[in-house]
Amino acid sequence: MARIDDMKTKSDDQLSESLGELKREQFNLRFQAATNQLEKPSRVREVRRDIARIKTLQSQRTSAAAAK
């Protein structure tokens, strides 16, 4: 759960940048999996969950801003 605490301290721009990096990594991991060159299969799951965490945090922030 330390990851979500770290993400909460980041600004919206930093979260968007992290999301872009994770999506690139996810693409590369899918490519490696397709060519049977994947070293850590568990990393696919970690990246997918990190992307979900960032998107959840972004949607919470937008709904909180809309409520104000």
Protein backbone atom coordinates (compact mmCIF):
# COMPACT_ATOMS: atom_id res chain seq x y z
CA MET A 1 0.00 0.00 0.00
CA ALA A 2 3.01 2.28 0.06
CA ARG A 3 2.56 2.85 -3.67
CA ILE A 4 -0.82 4.52 -3.32
CA ASP A 5 0.54 6.82 -0.63
CA ASP A 6 3.37 7.85 -2.95
CA MET A 7 0.91 8.46 -5.77
CA LYS A 8 -1.34 10.63 -3.63
CA THR A 9 1.51 13.08 -3.04
CA LYS A 10 2.14 13.54 -6.77
CA SER A 11 0.60 16.35 -8.79
CA ASP A 12 -1.81 15.72 -11.66
CA ASP A 13 0.95 16.33 -14.21
CA GLN A 14 3.26 13.85 -12.48
CA LEU A 15 0.48 11.25 -12.42
CA SER A 16 -0.18 11.73 -16.12
CA GLU A 17 3.52 11.34 -16.86
CA SER A 18 3.70 8.17 -14.74
CA LEU A 19 0.65 6.82 -16.53
CA GLY A 20 2.30 7.37 -19.92
CA GLU A 21 5.46 5.61 -18.78
CA LEU A 22 3.49 2.66 -17.41
CA LYS A 23 1.50 2.34 -20.63
CA ARG A 24 4.74 2.26 -22.64
CA GLU A 25 6.12 -0.37 -20.29
CA GLN A 26 2.90 -2.36 -20.60
CA PHE A 27 3.21 -2.28 -24.39
CA ASN A 28 6.81 -3.46 -24.20
CA LEU A 29 5.90 -6.24 -21.79
CA ARG A 30 3.08 -7.43 -24.07
CA PHE A 31 5.51 -7.43 -26.98
CA GLN A 32 8.04 -9.45 -24.97
CA ALA A 33 5.34 -11.90 -23.91
CA ALA A 34 4.30 -12.39 -27.53
CA THR A 35 7.87 -13.18 -28.54
CA ASN A 36 8.54 -15.38 -25.48
CA GLN A 37 11.24 -13.04 -24.14
CA LEU A 38 9.48 -12.07 -20.92
CA GLU A 39 11.80 -12.38 -17.90
CA LYS A 40 9.36 -11.44 -15.13
CA PRO A 41 5.77 -12.41 -15.95
CA SER A 42 4.62 -10.95 -12.62
CA ARG A 43 5.64 -7.48 -13.81
CA VAL A 44 2.71 -7.50 -16.28
CA ARG A 45 0.30 -7.75 -13.36
CA GLU A 46 2.11 -5.08 -11.33
CA VAL A 47 2.06 -2.59 -14.21
CA ARG A 48 -1.61 -3.24 -14.93
CA ARG A 49 -2.51 -2.64 -11.28
CA ASP A 50 -0.38 0.51 -11.07
CA ILE A 51 -2.18 1.87 -14.14
CA ALA A 52 -5.51 1.13 -12.45
CA ARG A 53 -4.35 2.85 -9.25
CA ILE A 54 -3.38 6.00 -11.14
CA LYS A 55 -6.63 6.08 -13.11
CA THR A 56 -8.64 5.59 -9.92
CA LEU A 57 -6.78 8.41 -8.19
CA GLN A 58 -7.28 10.70 -11.20
CA SER A 59 -11.03 9.99 -11.31
CA GLN A 60 -11.32 10.60 -7.55
CA ARG A 61 -9.58 13.93 -7.96
CA THR A 62 -11.80 15.00 -10.85
CA SER A 63 -14.98 14.03 -9.02
CA ALA A 64 -13.78 15.85 -5.90
CA ALA A 65 -13.04 18.94 -7.98
CA ALA A 66 -16.46 18.76 -9.62
CA ALA A 67 -18.13 18.52 -6.23
CA LYS A 68 -16.60 21.80 -5.09
